[in-house]
């Protein structure tokens, strides 16, 4: 006598990459870290100039993406 084990299948289709919470939070974290590194590097003024904009963009992206469902 054999028993078959059925695995539950999700009824909703898989979301596109840019709508998934996990990967997008990781990308936002990398952008924040990039802005932080740009802020504290002493070599290029252009990187320092745009560091706050990059830091804020990553932070806003993280706040928005954290509202996505799992």
PDB file of N, CA and C in Angstrom:
ATOM      1  N   UNK A   1       0.831  -1.166   0.000  1.00  0.00           N
ATOM      2  CA  UNK A   1       0.000   0.000   0.000  1.00  0.00           C
ATOM      3  C   UNK A   1       0.892   1.252   0.000  1.00  0.00           C
ATOM      4  N   UNK A   2       0.748   2.056  -0.993  1.00  0.00           N
ATOM      5  CA  UNK A   2       1.563   3.270  -1.082  1.00  0.00           C
ATOM      6  C   UNK A   2       0.711   4.490  -0.802  1.00  0.00           C
ATOM      7  N   UNK A   3       1.300   5.419  -0.111  1.00  0.00           N
ATOM      8  CA  UNK A   3       0.625   6.682   0.189  1.00  0.00           C
ATOM      9  C   UNK A   3       1.309   7.799  -0.580  1.00  0.00           C
ATOM     10  N   UNK A   4       0.526   8.560  -1.239  1.00  0.00           N
ATOM     11  CA  UNK A   4       1.065   9.693  -1.965  1.00  0.00           C
ATOM     12  C   UNK A   4       0.965  10.941  -1.092  1.00  0.00           C
ATOM     13  N   UNK A   5       2.040  11.634  -1.023  1.00  0.00           N
ATOM     14  CA  UNK A   5       2.045  12.888  -0.261  1.00  0.00           C
ATOM     15  C   UNK A   5       1.909  14.031  -1.243  1.00  0.00           C
ATOM     16  N   UNK A   6       0.870  14.781  -1.070  1.00  0.00           N
ATOM     17  CA  UNK A   6       0.647  15.906  -1.959  1.00  0.00           C
ATOM     18  C   UNK A   6       1.194  17.170  -1.321  1.00  0.00           C
ATOM     19  N   UNK A   7       1.914  17.918  -2.104  1.00  0.00           N
ATOM     20  CA  UNK A   7       2.428  19.193  -1.610  1.00  0.00           C
ATOM     21  C   UNK A   7       1.461  20.299  -2.013  1.00  0.00           C
ATOM     22  N   UNK A   8       1.222  21.231  -1.137  1.00  0.00           N
ATOM     23  CA  UNK A   8       0.302  22.312  -1.488  1.00  0.00           C
ATOM     24  C   UNK A   8       0.926  23.236  -2.535  1.00  0.00           C
ATOM     25  N   UNK A   9       0.158  23.548  -3.517  1.00  0.00           N
ATOM     26  CA  UNK A   9       0.612  24.458  -4.564  1.00  0.00           C
ATOM     27  C   UNK A   9       0.010  25.826  -4.307  1.00  0.00           C
ATOM     28  N   UNK A  10       0.804  26.841  -4.534  1.00  0.00           N
ATOM     29  CA  UNK A  10       0.266  28.185  -4.338  1.00  0.00           C
ATOM     30  C   UNK A  10      -0.707  28.509  -5.468  1.00  0.00           C
ATOM     31  N   UNK A  11      -1.763  29.180  -5.111  1.00  0.00           N
ATOM     32  CA  UNK A  11      -2.785  29.492  -6.104  1.00  0.00           C
ATOM     33  C   UNK A  11      -2.487  30.784  -6.848  1.00  0.00           C
ATOM     34  N   UNK A  12      -1.604  31.608  -6.292  1.00  0.00           N
ATOM     35  CA  UNK A  12      -1.292  32.859  -6.972  1.00  0.00           C
ATOM     36  C   UNK A  12      -0.011  32.708  -7.785  1.00  0.00           C
ATOM     37  N   UNK A  13       0.056  33.380  -8.935  1.00  0.00           N
ATOM     38  CA  UNK A  13       1.266  33.276  -9.757  1.00  0.00           C
ATOM     39  C   UNK A  13       2.447  33.970  -9.071  1.00  0.00           C
ATOM     40  N   UNK A  14       3.630  33.574  -9.452  1.00  0.00           N
ATOM     41  CA  UNK A  14       4.842  34.154  -8.876  1.00  0.00           C
ATOM     42  C   UNK A  14       4.980  35.610  -9.323  1.00  0.00           C
ATOM     43  N   UNK A  15       5.320  36.474  -8.366  1.00  0.00           N
ATOM     44  CA  UNK A  15       5.445  37.891  -8.669  1.00  0.00           C
ATOM     45  C   UNK A  15       6.725  38.167  -9.440  1.00  0.00           C
ATOM     46  N   UNK A  16       6.725  39.240 -10.240  1.00  0.00           N
ATOM     47  CA  UNK A  16       7.974  39.638 -10.910  1.00  0.00           C
ATOM     48  C   UNK A  16       9.034  40.031  -9.882  1.00  0.00           C
ATOM     49  N   UNK A  17      10.271  40.027 -10.293  1.00  0.00           N
ATOM     50  CA  UNK A  17      11.393  40.288  -9.382  1.00  0.00           C
ATOM     51  C   UNK A  17      11.269  41.639  -8.691  1.00  0.00           C
ATOM     52  N   UNK A  18      10.850  42.662  -9.425  1.00  0.00           N
ATOM     53  CA  UNK A  18      10.805  44.008  -8.855  1.00  0.00           C
ATOM     54  C   UNK A  18       9.612  44.227  -7.925  1.00  0.00           C
ATOM     55  N   UNK A  19       8.757  43.228  -7.752  1.00  0.00           N
ATOM     56  CA  UNK A  19       7.646  43.336  -6.807  1.00  0.00           C
ATOM     57  C   UNK A  19       7.807  42.405  -5.603  1.00  0.00           C
ATOM     58  N   UNK A  20       8.950  41.745  -5.500  1.00  0.00           N
ATOM     59  CA  UNK A  20       9.195  40.863  -4.361  1.00  0.00           C
ATOM     60  C   UNK A  20       9.914  41.634  -3.259  1.00  0.00           C
ATOM     61  N   UNK A  21       9.491  41.405  -2.049  1.00  0.00           N
ATOM     62  CA  UNK A  21      10.002  42.175  -0.915  1.00  0.00           C
ATOM     63  C   UNK A  21      11.475  41.884  -0.611  1.00  0.00           C
ATOM     64  N   UNK A  22      11.828  40.626  -0.515  1.00  0.00           N
ATOM     65  CA  UNK A  22      13.179  40.248  -0.108  1.00  0.00           C
ATOM     66  C   UNK A  22      14.280  40.794  -1.000  1.00  0.00           C
ATOM     67  N   UNK A  23      14.243  40.500  -2.300  1.00  0.00           N
ATOM     68  CA  UNK A  23      15.314  40.995  -3.173  1.00  0.00           C
ATOM     69  C   UNK A  23      15.367  42.524  -3.251  1.00  0.00           C
ATOM     70  N   UNK A  24      14.214  43.160  -3.243  1.00  0.00           N
ATOM     71  CA  UNK A  24      14.206  44.617  -3.348  1.00  0.00           C
ATOM     72  C   UNK A  24      14.715  45.272  -2.073  1.00  0.00           C
ATOM     73  N   UNK A  25      14.461  44.668  -0.910  1.00  0.00           N
ATOM     74  CA  UNK A  25      15.041  45.202   0.328  1.00  0.00           C
ATOM     75  C   UNK A  25      16.553  45.077   0.296  1.00  0.00           C
ATOM     76  N   UNK A  26      17.064  43.989  -0.261  1.00  0.00           N
ATOM     77  CA  UNK A  26      18.513  43.826  -0.374  1.00  0.00           C
ATOM     78  C   UNK A  26      19.116  44.877  -1.306  1.00  0.00           C
ATOM     79  N   UNK A  27      18.451  45.143  -2.414  1.00  0.00           N
ATOM     80  CA  UNK A  27      18.941  46.161  -3.345  1.00  0.00           C
ATOM     81  C   UNK A  27      18.920  47.536  -2.695  1.00  0.00           C
ATOM     82  N   UNK A  28      17.854  47.848  -1.957  1.00  0.00           N
ATOM     83  CA  UNK A  28      17.774  49.132  -1.258  1.00  0.00           C
ATOM     84  C   UNK A  28      18.876  49.261  -0.216  1.00  0.00           C
ATOM     85  N   UNK A  29      19.188  48.187   0.474  1.00  0.00           N
ATOM     86  CA  UNK A  29      20.258  48.206   1.464  1.00  0.00           C
ATOM     87  C   UNK A  29      21.611  48.456   0.805  1.00  0.00           C
ATOM     88  N   UNK A  30      21.832  47.866  -0.350  1.00  0.00           N
ATOM     89  CA  UNK A  30      23.082  48.092  -1.087  1.00  0.00           C
ATOM     90  C   UNK A  30      23.174  49.551  -1.536  1.00  0.00           C
ATOM     91  N   UNK A  31      22.070  50.136  -1.977  1.00  0.00           N
ATOM     92  CA  UNK A  31      22.066  51.536  -2.390  1.00  0.00           C
ATOM     93  C   UNK A  31      22.370  52.449  -1.202  1.00  0.00           C
ATOM     94  N   UNK A  32      21.801  52.140  -0.042  1.00  0.00           N
ATOM     95  CA  UNK A  32      22.093  52.918   1.169  1.00  0.00           C
ATOM     96  C   UNK A  32      23.577  52.814   1.508  1.00  0.00           C
ATOM     97  N   UNK A  33      24.130  51.615   1.461  1.00  0.00           N
ATOM     98  CA  UNK A  33      25.554  51.427   1.760  1.00  0.00           C
ATOM     99  C   UNK A  33      26.431  52.166   0.753  1.00  0.00           C
ATOM    100  N   UNK A  34      26.031  52.164  -0.507  1.00  0.00           N
ATOM    101  CA  UNK A  34      26.772  52.886  -1.537  1.00  0.00           C
ATOM    102  C   UNK A  34      26.775  54.384  -1.245  1.00  0.00           C
ATOM    103  N   UNK A  35      25.618  54.924  -0.874  1.00  0.00           N
ATOM    104  CA  UNK A  35      25.550  56.335  -0.510  1.00  0.00           C
ATOM    105  C   UNK A  35      26.402  56.663   0.692  1.00  0.00           C
ATOM    106  N   UNK A  36      26.442  55.771   1.664  1.00  0.00           N
ATOM    107  CA  UNK A  36      27.270  55.953   2.853  1.00  0.00           C
ATOM    108  C   UNK A  36      28.751  55.974   2.474  1.00  0.00           C
ATOM    109  N   UNK A  37      29.176  55.042   1.626  1.00  0.00           N
ATOM    110  CA  UNK A  37      30.566  55.011   1.186  1.00  0.00           C
ATOM    111  C   UNK A  37      30.918  56.248   0.367  1.00  0.00           C
ATOM    112  N   UNK A  38      29.994  56.701  -0.458  1.00  0.00           N
ATOM    113  CA  UNK A  38      30.230  57.914  -1.244  1.00  0.00           C
ATOM    114  C   UNK A  38      30.400  59.135  -0.332  1.00  0.00           C
ATOM    115  N   UNK A  39      29.696  59.147   0.765  1.00  0.00           N
ATOM    116  CA  UNK A  39      29.745  60.267   1.696  1.00  0.00           C
ATOM    117  C   UNK A  39      31.096  60.353   2.407  1.00  0.00           C
ATOM    118  N   UNK A  40      31.695  59.222   2.708  1.00  0.00           N
ATOM    119  CA  UNK A  40      32.908  59.217   3.508  1.00  0.00           C
ATOM    120  C   UNK A  40      34.190  58.926   2.734  1.00  0.00           C
ATOM    121  N   UNK A  41      34.148  58.984   1.424  1.00  0.00           N
ATOM    122  CA  UNK A  41      35.374  58.800   0.666  1.00  0.00           C
ATOM    123  C   UNK A  41      36.022  60.167   0.431  1.00  0.00           C
ATOM    124  N   UNK A  42      37.357  60.253   0.475  1.00  0.00           N
ATOM    125  CA  UNK A  42      38.021  61.553   0.356  1.00  0.00           C
ATOM    126  C   UNK A  42      38.584  61.863  -1.032  1.00  0.00           C
ATOM    127  N   UNK A  43      38.233  61.084  -2.062  1.00  0.00           N
ATOM    128  CA  UNK A  43      38.943  61.201  -3.327  1.00  0.00           C
ATOM    129  C   UNK A  43      38.224  62.036  -4.382  1.00  0.00           C
ATOM    130  N   UNK A  44      36.944  61.818  -4.586  1.00  0.00           N
ATOM    131  CA  UNK A  44      36.230  62.472  -5.675  1.00  0.00           C
ATOM    132  C   UNK A  44      35.098  63.338  -5.130  1.00  0.00           C
ATOM    133  N   UNK A  45      35.130  64.611  -5.486  1.00  0.00           N
ATOM    134  CA  UNK A  45      34.112  65.539  -5.012  1.00  0.00           C
ATOM    135  C   UNK A  45      32.746  65.220  -5.617  1.00  0.00           C
ATOM    136  N   UNK A  46      32.718  64.710  -6.845  1.00  0.00           N
ATOM    137  CA  UNK A  46      31.445  64.403  -7.493  1.00  0.00           C
ATOM    138  C   UNK A  46      30.703  63.286  -6.750  1.00  0.00           C
ATOM    139  N   UNK A  47      31.438  62.305  -6.223  1.00  0.00           N
ATOM    140  CA  UNK A  47      30.792  61.251  -5.441  1.00  0.00           C
ATOM    141  C   UNK A  47      30.223  61.818  -4.152  1.00  0.00           C
ATOM    142  N   UNK A  48      30.982  62.705  -3.520  1.00  0.00           N
ATOM    143  CA  UNK A  48      30.501  63.345  -2.290  1.00  0.00           C
ATOM    144  C   UNK A  48      29.268  64.196  -2.571  1.00  0.00           C
ATOM    145  N   UNK A  49      29.250  64.854  -3.719  1.00  0.00           N
ATOM    146  CA  UNK A  49      28.135  65.730  -4.082  1.00  0.00           C
ATOM    147  C   UNK A  49      26.828  64.962  -4.184  1.00  0.00           C
ATOM    148  N   UNK A  50      26.862  63.778  -4.767  1.00  0.00           N
ATOM    149  CA  UNK A  50      25.638  63.002  -4.982  1.00  0.00           C
ATOM    150  C   UNK A  50      25.365  61.980  -3.885  1.00  0.00           C
ATOM    151  N   UNK A  51      26.202  61.931  -2.856  1.00  0.00           N
ATOM    152  CA  UNK A  51      26.053  60.904  -1.829  1.00  0.00           C
ATOM    153  C   UNK A  51      24.742  61.036  -1.056  1.00  0.00           C
ATOM    154  N   UNK A  52      24.352  62.250  -0.713  1.00  0.00           N
ATOM    155  CA  UNK A  52      23.114  62.421   0.046  1.00  0.00           C
ATOM    156  C   UNK A  52      21.898  62.017  -0.788  1.00  0.00           C
ATOM    157  N   UNK A  53      21.912  62.351  -2.073  1.00  0.00           N
ATOM    158  CA  UNK A  53      20.797  61.966  -2.944  1.00  0.00           C
ATOM    159  C   UNK A  53      20.691  60.444  -3.054  1.00  0.00           C
ATOM    160  N   UNK A  54      21.821  59.759  -3.164  1.00  0.00           N
ATOM    161  CA  UNK A  54      21.819  58.296  -3.259  1.00  0.00           C
ATOM    162  C   UNK A  54      21.351  57.691  -1.938  1.00  0.00           C
ATOM    163  N   UNK A  55      21.831  58.247  -0.833  1.00  0.00           N
ATOM    164  CA  UNK A  55      21.438  57.764   0.490  1.00  0.00           C
ATOM    165  C   UNK A  55      19.931  57.923   0.712  1.00  0.00           C
ATOM    166  N   UNK A  56      19.402  59.071   0.347  1.00  0.00           N
ATOM    167  CA  UNK A  56      17.961  59.306   0.506  1.00  0.00           C
ATOM    168  C   UNK A  56      17.134  58.424  -0.427  1.00  0.00           C
ATOM    169  N   UNK A  57      17.606  58.235  -1.657  1.00  0.00           N
ATOM    170  CA  UNK A  57      16.884  57.375  -2.602  1.00  0.00           C
ATOM    171  C   UNK A  57      16.815  55.938  -2.082  1.00  0.00           C
ATOM    172  N   UNK A  58      17.923  55.443  -1.537  1.00  0.00           N
ATOM    173  CA  UNK A  58      17.926  54.093  -0.970  1.00  0.00           C
ATOM    174  C   UNK A  58      17.013  53.974   0.232  1.00  0.00           C
ATOM    175  N   UNK A  59      16.992  55.007   1.066  1.00  0.00           N
ATOM    176  CA  UNK A  59      16.141  54.985   2.249  1.00  0.00           C
ATOM    177  C   UNK A  59      14.665  55.020   1.871  1.00  0.00           C
ATOM    178  N   UNK A  60      14.310  55.876   0.946  1.00  0.00           N
ATOM    179  CA  UNK A  60      12.912  55.957   0.484  1.00  0.00           C
ATOM    180  C   UNK A  60      12.505  54.656  -0.188  1.00  0.00           C
ATOM    181  N   UNK A  61      13.404  54.080  -0.981  1.00  0.00           N
ATOM    182  CA  UNK A  61      13.109  52.801  -1.624  1.00  0.00           C
ATOM    183  C   UNK A  61      12.885  51.709  -0.576  1.00  0.00           C
ATOM    184  N   UNK A  62      13.704  51.686   0.462  1.00  0.00           N
ATOM    185  CA  UNK A  62      13.554  50.680   1.509  1.00  0.00           C
ATOM    186  C   UNK A  62      12.220  50.839   2.228  1.00  0.00           C
ATOM    187  N   UNK A  63      11.830  52.080   2.513  1.00  0.00           N
ATOM    188  CA  UNK A  63      10.557  52.319   3.197  1.00  0.00           C
ATOM    189  C   UNK A  63       9.385  51.839   2.347  1.00  0.00           C
ATOM    190  N   UNK A  64       9.426  52.132   1.061  1.00  0.00           N
ATOM    191  CA  UNK A  64       8.332  51.728   0.160  1.00  0.00           C
ATOM    192  C   UNK A  64       8.299  50.212   0.012  1.00  0.00           C
ATOM    193  N   UNK A  65       9.455  49.608  -0.214  1.00  0.00           N
ATOM    194  CA  UNK A  65       9.516  48.160  -0.462  1.00  0.00           C
ATOM    195  C   UNK A  65       9.134  47.379   0.795  1.00  0.00           C
ATOM    196  N   UNK A  66       9.411  47.917   1.974  1.00  0.00           N
ATOM    197  CA  UNK A  66       9.086  47.183   3.185  1.00  0.00           C
ATOM    198  C   UNK A  66       7.578  47.054   3.386  1.00  0.00           C
ATOM    199  N   UNK A  67       6.787  47.813   2.645  1.00  0.00           N
ATOM    200  CA  UNK A  67       5.318  47.702   2.720  1.00  0.00           C
ATOM    201  C   UNK A  67       4.787  46.585   1.816  1.00  0.00           C
ATOM    202  N   UNK A  68       5.615  46.037   0.914  1.00  0.00           N
ATOM    203  CA  UNK A  68       5.192  44.954   0.025  1.00  0.00           C
ATOM    204  C   UNK A  68       4.886  43.713   0.857  1.00  0.00           C
ATOM    205  N   UNK A  69       3.987  42.891   0.353  1.00  0.00           N
ATOM    206  CA  UNK A  69       3.703  41.629   1.041  1.00  0.00           C
ATOM    207  C   UNK A  69       4.804  40.622   0.750  1.00  0.00           C
ATOM    208  N   UNK A  70       4.915  39.648   1.606  1.00  0.00           N
ATOM    209  CA  UNK A  70       5.952  38.627   1.448  1.00  0.00           C
ATOM    210  C   UNK A  70       5.645  37.817   0.268  1.00  0.00           C
TER     211      UNK A  70
END
